[in-house]
């Protein structure tokens, strides 16, 4: 069974930085893409950033130039470096992993980690 464990959320002042990490554990799986999404109460979950197995990245316009997604293939881990944080970045951030556990595809989410940007 594939599991996702997120870490790194917390409280930070505007202009500050945080780094989120998401580790995928299990056996017999291949990851095709991983990403970070965020959700504010009463709103739909939205894409923040994602990275494919080939290293291609995609960012929401609102975080372009401030956030960087990266991966450690050997450790099945993805990181989200968040700089120049703004109050509007406050949300629960969720990790998502899509891939294959032979022969079936999977699409799993983490439990979420709270990010609060406030003075």
N, C-alpha and C. Protein backbone atom coordinates (compact mmCIF):
# COMPACT_ATOMS: atom_id res chain seq x y z
N UNK A 1 0.84 -1.19 0.00
CA UNK A 1 0.00 0.00 0.00
C UNK A 1 0.88 1.25 0.00
N UNK A 2 0.50 2.22 -0.78
CA UNK A 2 1.25 3.46 -0.88
C UNK A 2 0.72 4.46 0.15
N UNK A 3 1.66 5.10 0.85
CA UNK A 3 1.27 6.12 1.82
C UNK A 3 2.07 7.39 1.58
N UNK A 4 1.44 8.52 1.87
CA UNK A 4 2.08 9.83 1.75
C UNK A 4 2.14 10.48 3.12
N UNK A 5 3.30 10.99 3.47
CA UNK A 5 3.46 11.68 4.75
C UNK A 5 4.04 13.05 4.48
N UNK A 6 3.29 14.07 4.91
CA UNK A 6 3.69 15.46 4.69
C UNK A 6 4.32 16.02 5.96
N UNK A 7 5.19 17.01 5.78
CA UNK A 7 5.78 17.69 6.92
C UNK A 7 6.17 19.10 6.51
N UNK A 8 6.36 19.96 7.50
CA UNK A 8 6.93 21.27 7.24
C UNK A 8 5.99 22.45 7.32
N UNK A 9 4.73 22.24 7.59
CA UNK A 9 3.83 23.38 7.71
C UNK A 9 4.09 24.15 8.99
N UNK A 10 3.36 25.26 9.14
CA UNK A 10 3.50 26.04 10.36
C UNK A 10 3.07 27.47 10.17
N UNK A 11 3.47 28.29 11.14
CA UNK A 11 3.15 29.72 11.14
C UNK A 11 4.39 30.51 10.74
N UNK A 12 4.21 31.45 9.83
CA UNK A 12 5.33 32.26 9.38
C UNK A 12 4.84 33.67 9.12
N UNK A 13 5.70 34.64 9.28
CA UNK A 13 5.33 36.03 9.02
C UNK A 13 5.35 36.31 7.52
N UNK A 14 4.59 37.29 7.08
CA UNK A 14 4.64 37.68 5.67
C UNK A 14 6.07 37.98 5.24
N UNK A 15 6.41 37.50 4.05
CA UNK A 15 7.78 37.67 3.56
C UNK A 15 8.70 36.54 3.94
N UNK A 16 8.24 35.68 4.84
CA UNK A 16 9.06 34.57 5.29
C UNK A 16 9.03 33.38 4.36
N UNK A 17 9.68 32.31 4.80
CA UNK A 17 9.80 31.10 3.98
C UNK A 17 9.43 29.87 4.78
N UNK A 18 8.96 28.86 4.07
CA UNK A 18 8.71 27.54 4.63
C UNK A 18 9.05 26.51 3.57
N UNK A 19 9.39 25.31 4.03
CA UNK A 19 9.65 24.22 3.10
C UNK A 19 8.78 23.04 3.49
N UNK A 20 7.95 22.61 2.56
CA UNK A 20 7.11 21.44 2.77
C UNK A 20 7.77 20.23 2.12
N UNK A 21 7.60 19.08 2.77
CA UNK A 21 8.11 17.83 2.22
C UNK A 21 7.02 16.78 2.22
N UNK A 22 7.10 15.88 1.26
CA UNK A 22 6.14 14.79 1.17
C UNK A 22 6.90 13.53 0.77
N UNK A 23 6.84 12.53 1.63
CA UNK A 23 7.53 11.28 1.36
C UNK A 23 6.51 10.19 1.04
N UNK A 24 6.79 9.45 -0.01
CA UNK A 24 5.93 8.34 -0.42
C UNK A 24 6.59 7.04 -0.01
N UNK A 25 5.82 6.22 0.69
CA UNK A 25 6.36 4.92 1.13
C UNK A 25 5.47 3.80 0.61
N UNK A 26 6.04 2.61 0.58
CA UNK A 26 5.32 1.45 0.09
C UNK A 26 6.29 0.60 -0.68
N UNK A 27 5.74 -0.31 -1.47
CA UNK A 27 6.60 -1.16 -2.27
C UNK A 27 5.96 -1.43 -3.62
N UNK A 28 6.78 -1.68 -4.59
CA UNK A 28 6.31 -2.07 -5.91
C UNK A 28 5.60 -0.98 -6.67
N UNK A 29 5.92 0.28 -6.36
CA UNK A 29 5.23 1.35 -7.06
C UNK A 29 6.18 2.16 -7.92
N UNK A 30 5.59 2.84 -8.88
CA UNK A 30 6.32 3.80 -9.73
C UNK A 30 5.52 5.10 -9.73
N UNK A 31 6.21 6.19 -9.44
CA UNK A 31 5.55 7.49 -9.39
C UNK A 31 5.64 8.15 -10.76
N UNK A 32 4.51 8.64 -11.24
CA UNK A 32 4.50 9.37 -12.51
C UNK A 32 4.53 10.88 -12.30
N UNK A 33 3.88 11.32 -11.25
CA UNK A 33 3.84 12.76 -10.97
C UNK A 33 3.50 12.97 -9.50
N UNK A 34 4.03 14.06 -8.96
CA UNK A 34 3.67 14.47 -7.61
C UNK A 34 3.38 15.96 -7.62
N UNK A 35 2.57 16.37 -6.69
CA UNK A 35 2.23 17.78 -6.66
C UNK A 35 1.76 18.24 -5.31
N UNK A 36 1.66 19.54 -5.19
CA UNK A 36 1.12 20.18 -4.00
C UNK A 36 -0.12 20.98 -4.40
N UNK A 37 -1.15 20.83 -3.60
CA UNK A 37 -2.40 21.55 -3.78
C UNK A 37 -2.72 22.24 -2.46
N UNK A 38 -3.59 23.23 -2.51
CA UNK A 38 -3.98 23.89 -1.27
C UNK A 38 -5.48 24.18 -1.29
N UNK A 39 -6.00 24.30 -0.08
CA UNK A 39 -7.43 24.51 0.05
C UNK A 39 -7.73 25.43 1.23
N UNK A 40 -8.61 26.39 0.97
CA UNK A 40 -9.11 27.29 2.00
C UNK A 40 -10.54 26.87 2.29
N UNK A 41 -10.99 26.93 3.54
CA UNK A 41 -12.38 26.54 3.85
C UNK A 41 -13.37 27.23 2.94
N UNK A 42 -14.28 26.44 2.37
CA UNK A 42 -15.31 26.99 1.50
C UNK A 42 -14.90 27.15 0.06
N UNK A 43 -13.64 26.82 -0.24
CA UNK A 43 -13.16 26.94 -1.62
C UNK A 43 -12.67 25.61 -2.14
N UNK A 44 -12.59 25.51 -3.46
CA UNK A 44 -12.10 24.28 -4.07
C UNK A 44 -10.60 24.15 -3.87
N UNK A 45 -10.15 22.90 -3.82
CA UNK A 45 -8.72 22.65 -3.75
C UNK A 45 -8.10 23.08 -5.08
N UNK A 46 -6.95 23.75 -5.00
CA UNK A 46 -6.32 24.25 -6.21
C UNK A 46 -4.88 23.78 -6.31
N UNK A 47 -4.42 23.64 -7.54
CA UNK A 47 -3.04 23.26 -7.79
C UNK A 47 -2.11 24.39 -7.39
N UNK A 48 -1.04 24.03 -6.68
CA UNK A 48 0.03 24.97 -6.37
C UNK A 48 1.21 24.72 -7.31
N UNK A 49 1.67 23.49 -7.33
CA UNK A 49 2.81 23.12 -8.18
C UNK A 49 2.84 21.62 -8.34
N UNK A 50 3.37 21.16 -9.47
CA UNK A 50 3.50 19.72 -9.68
C UNK A 50 4.76 19.44 -10.48
N UNK A 51 5.23 18.20 -10.37
CA UNK A 51 6.44 17.79 -11.06
C UNK A 51 6.24 16.37 -11.56
N UNK A 52 6.65 16.13 -12.79
CA UNK A 52 6.49 14.81 -13.38
C UNK A 52 7.74 13.96 -13.15
N UNK A 53 7.64 12.71 -13.51
CA UNK A 53 8.79 11.82 -13.37
C UNK A 53 9.94 12.26 -14.27
N UNK A 54 9.60 12.99 -15.34
CA UNK A 54 10.64 13.50 -16.23
C UNK A 54 11.24 14.81 -15.78
N UNK A 55 10.71 15.37 -14.67
CA UNK A 55 11.25 16.61 -14.13
C UNK A 55 10.55 17.86 -14.59
N UNK A 56 9.53 17.73 -15.41
CA UNK A 56 8.78 18.92 -15.84
C UNK A 56 7.97 19.47 -14.69
N UNK A 57 7.91 20.79 -14.59
CA UNK A 57 7.19 21.43 -13.50
C UNK A 57 6.11 22.36 -14.03
N UNK A 58 5.15 22.60 -13.16
CA UNK A 58 4.01 23.44 -13.49
C UNK A 58 3.61 24.17 -12.23
N UNK A 59 3.36 25.48 -12.32
CA UNK A 59 3.02 26.29 -11.16
C UNK A 59 1.75 27.09 -11.38
N UNK A 60 1.04 27.33 -10.29
CA UNK A 60 -0.06 28.28 -10.34
C UNK A 60 0.52 29.68 -10.56
N UNK A 61 -0.20 30.50 -11.28
CA UNK A 61 0.28 31.86 -11.55
C UNK A 61 0.57 32.62 -10.26
N UNK A 62 -0.22 32.37 -9.24
CA UNK A 62 -0.11 33.12 -7.99
C UNK A 62 1.17 32.82 -7.21
N UNK A 63 1.83 31.70 -7.54
CA UNK A 63 3.05 31.35 -6.80
C UNK A 63 4.29 31.35 -7.68
N UNK A 64 4.10 31.55 -8.98
CA UNK A 64 5.23 31.54 -9.91
C UNK A 64 6.28 32.55 -9.46
N UNK A 65 7.52 32.08 -9.41
CA UNK A 65 8.62 32.95 -9.01
C UNK A 65 8.86 33.01 -7.51
N UNK A 66 7.92 32.50 -6.73
CA UNK A 66 8.08 32.50 -5.27
C UNK A 66 8.25 31.08 -4.73
N UNK A 67 7.58 30.13 -5.34
CA UNK A 67 7.63 28.74 -4.88
C UNK A 67 8.43 27.90 -5.87
N UNK A 68 9.10 26.89 -5.33
CA UNK A 68 9.86 25.97 -6.17
C UNK A 68 9.59 24.54 -5.72
N UNK A 69 9.18 23.71 -6.66
CA UNK A 69 8.96 22.30 -6.37
C UNK A 69 10.18 21.51 -6.85
N UNK A 70 10.59 20.55 -6.05
CA UNK A 70 11.73 19.71 -6.42
C UNK A 70 11.47 18.30 -5.91
N UNK A 71 12.28 17.36 -6.38
CA UNK A 71 12.08 15.98 -5.96
C UNK A 71 13.40 15.28 -5.71
N UNK A 72 13.34 14.31 -4.83
CA UNK A 72 14.46 13.42 -4.57
C UNK A 72 13.97 12.05 -5.02
N UNK A 73 14.37 11.65 -6.21
CA UNK A 73 13.86 10.42 -6.80
C UNK A 73 14.22 9.20 -5.95
N UNK A 74 15.44 9.18 -5.44
CA UNK A 74 15.90 8.03 -4.66
C UNK A 74 15.09 7.84 -3.38
N UNK A 75 14.62 8.97 -2.83
CA UNK A 75 13.88 8.90 -1.57
C UNK A 75 12.37 9.02 -1.77
N UNK A 76 11.93 9.05 -3.03
CA UNK A 76 10.49 9.20 -3.33
C UNK A 76 9.89 10.36 -2.55
N UNK A 77 10.57 11.46 -2.56
CA UNK A 77 10.17 12.63 -1.79
C UNK A 77 10.07 13.85 -2.70
N UNK A 78 9.10 14.68 -2.42
CA UNK A 78 8.97 15.94 -3.14
C UNK A 78 8.96 17.07 -2.12
N UNK A 79 9.57 18.19 -2.49
CA UNK A 79 9.65 19.34 -1.60
C UNK A 79 9.00 20.54 -2.27
N UNK A 80 8.48 21.43 -1.46
CA UNK A 80 7.96 22.70 -1.95
C UNK A 80 8.62 23.81 -1.13
N UNK A 81 9.53 24.53 -1.74
CA UNK A 81 10.16 25.66 -1.10
C UNK A 81 9.30 26.89 -1.37
N UNK A 82 8.82 27.49 -0.30
CA UNK A 82 7.92 28.63 -0.41
C UNK A 82 8.61 29.87 0.16
N UNK A 83 8.88 30.82 -0.70
CA UNK A 83 9.52 32.08 -0.31
C UNK A 83 8.57 33.25 -0.50
N UNK A 84 8.92 34.35 0.11
CA UNK A 84 8.11 35.57 -0.01
C UNK A 84 6.63 35.28 0.25
N UNK A 85 6.37 34.59 1.32
CA UNK A 85 5.01 34.17 1.61
C UNK A 85 4.10 35.36 1.90
N UNK A 86 2.86 35.23 1.47
CA UNK A 86 1.86 36.26 1.65
C UNK A 86 0.70 35.72 2.48
N UNK A 87 -0.05 36.59 3.14
CA UNK A 87 -1.22 36.10 3.90
C UNK A 87 -2.16 35.27 3.05
N UNK A 88 -2.29 35.58 1.78
CA UNK A 88 -3.19 34.82 0.92
C UNK A 88 -2.67 33.42 0.59
N UNK A 89 -1.45 33.10 1.01
CA UNK A 89 -0.96 31.74 0.86
C UNK A 89 -1.43 30.84 2.00
N UNK A 90 -2.08 31.41 2.98
CA UNK A 90 -2.59 30.64 4.10
C UNK A 90 -3.62 29.63 3.62
N UNK A 91 -3.39 28.37 3.95
CA UNK A 91 -4.26 27.29 3.50
C UNK A 91 -3.76 25.98 4.09
N UNK A 92 -4.54 24.93 3.89
CA UNK A 92 -4.05 23.58 4.15
C UNK A 92 -3.44 23.09 2.84
N UNK A 93 -2.22 22.63 2.91
CA UNK A 93 -1.50 22.17 1.73
C UNK A 93 -1.50 20.65 1.71
N UNK A 94 -1.88 20.09 0.56
CA UNK A 94 -1.98 18.65 0.39
C UNK A 94 -1.00 18.17 -0.67
N UNK A 95 -0.36 17.06 -0.37
CA UNK A 95 0.50 16.39 -1.33
C UNK A 95 -0.32 15.37 -2.10
N UNK A 96 -0.01 15.23 -3.38
CA UNK A 96 -0.69 14.25 -4.22
C UNK A 96 0.35 13.48 -5.01
N UNK A 97 0.16 12.18 -5.10
CA UNK A 97 1.06 11.33 -5.89
C UNK A 97 0.24 10.44 -6.81
N UNK A 98 0.65 10.40 -8.06
CA UNK A 98 0.00 9.54 -9.04
C UNK A 98 1.04 8.63 -9.66
N UNK A 99 0.66 7.40 -9.87
CA UNK A 99 1.60 6.46 -10.45
C UNK A 99 0.97 5.11 -10.66
N UNK A 100 1.79 4.09 -10.53
CA UNK A 100 1.34 2.72 -10.78
C UNK A 100 1.88 1.80 -9.69
N UNK A 101 1.02 1.01 -9.13
CA UNK A 101 1.42 -0.15 -8.35
C UNK A 101 1.01 -1.33 -9.22
N UNK A 102 1.99 -1.90 -9.89
CA UNK A 102 1.72 -2.88 -10.94
C UNK A 102 0.68 -3.89 -10.50
N UNK A 103 -0.38 -4.06 -11.33
CA UNK A 103 -0.61 -3.42 -12.62
C UNK A 103 -1.55 -2.21 -12.59
N UNK A 104 -1.91 -1.76 -11.38
CA UNK A 104 -2.97 -0.76 -11.27
C UNK A 104 -2.44 0.64 -11.05
N UNK A 105 -3.11 1.64 -11.63
CA UNK A 105 -2.73 3.02 -11.35
C UNK A 105 -3.17 3.43 -9.95
N UNK A 106 -2.53 4.43 -9.39
CA UNK A 106 -2.98 4.97 -8.12
C UNK A 106 -2.95 6.49 -8.16
N UNK A 107 -3.73 7.06 -7.27
CA UNK A 107 -3.85 8.51 -7.14
C UNK A 107 -4.16 8.79 -5.68
N UNK A 108 -3.12 9.11 -4.90
CA UNK A 108 -3.27 9.25 -3.46
C UNK A 108 -2.99 10.68 -3.01
N UNK A 109 -3.66 11.03 -1.91
CA UNK A 109 -3.46 12.32 -1.28
C UNK A 109 -2.93 12.14 0.13
N UNK A 110 -2.14 13.11 0.58
CA UNK A 110 -1.75 13.15 1.97
C UNK A 110 -2.85 13.75 2.81
N UNK A 111 -2.63 13.81 4.11
CA UNK A 111 -3.66 14.32 5.02
C UNK A 111 -3.70 15.83 5.08
N UNK A 112 -2.66 16.47 4.61
CA UNK A 112 -2.62 17.92 4.62
C UNK A 112 -1.80 18.49 5.76
N UNK A 113 -1.21 19.65 5.51
CA UNK A 113 -0.45 20.35 6.54
C UNK A 113 -0.81 21.83 6.46
N UNK A 114 -1.05 22.42 7.62
CA UNK A 114 -1.50 23.81 7.67
C UNK A 114 -0.33 24.76 7.50
N UNK A 115 -0.54 25.74 6.63
CA UNK A 115 0.40 26.84 6.47
C UNK A 115 -0.36 28.13 6.78
N UNK A 116 0.15 28.87 7.74
CA UNK A 116 -0.47 30.14 8.12
C UNK A 116 0.55 31.25 7.99
N UNK A 117 0.20 32.26 7.22
CA UNK A 117 1.07 33.41 7.02
C UNK A 117 0.40 34.61 7.67
N UNK A 118 0.99 35.05 8.76
CA UNK A 118 0.37 36.12 9.53
C UNK A 118 1.40 36.81 10.40
N UNK A 119 1.19 38.10 10.61
CA UNK A 119 2.07 38.84 11.51
C UNK A 119 1.48 38.86 12.92
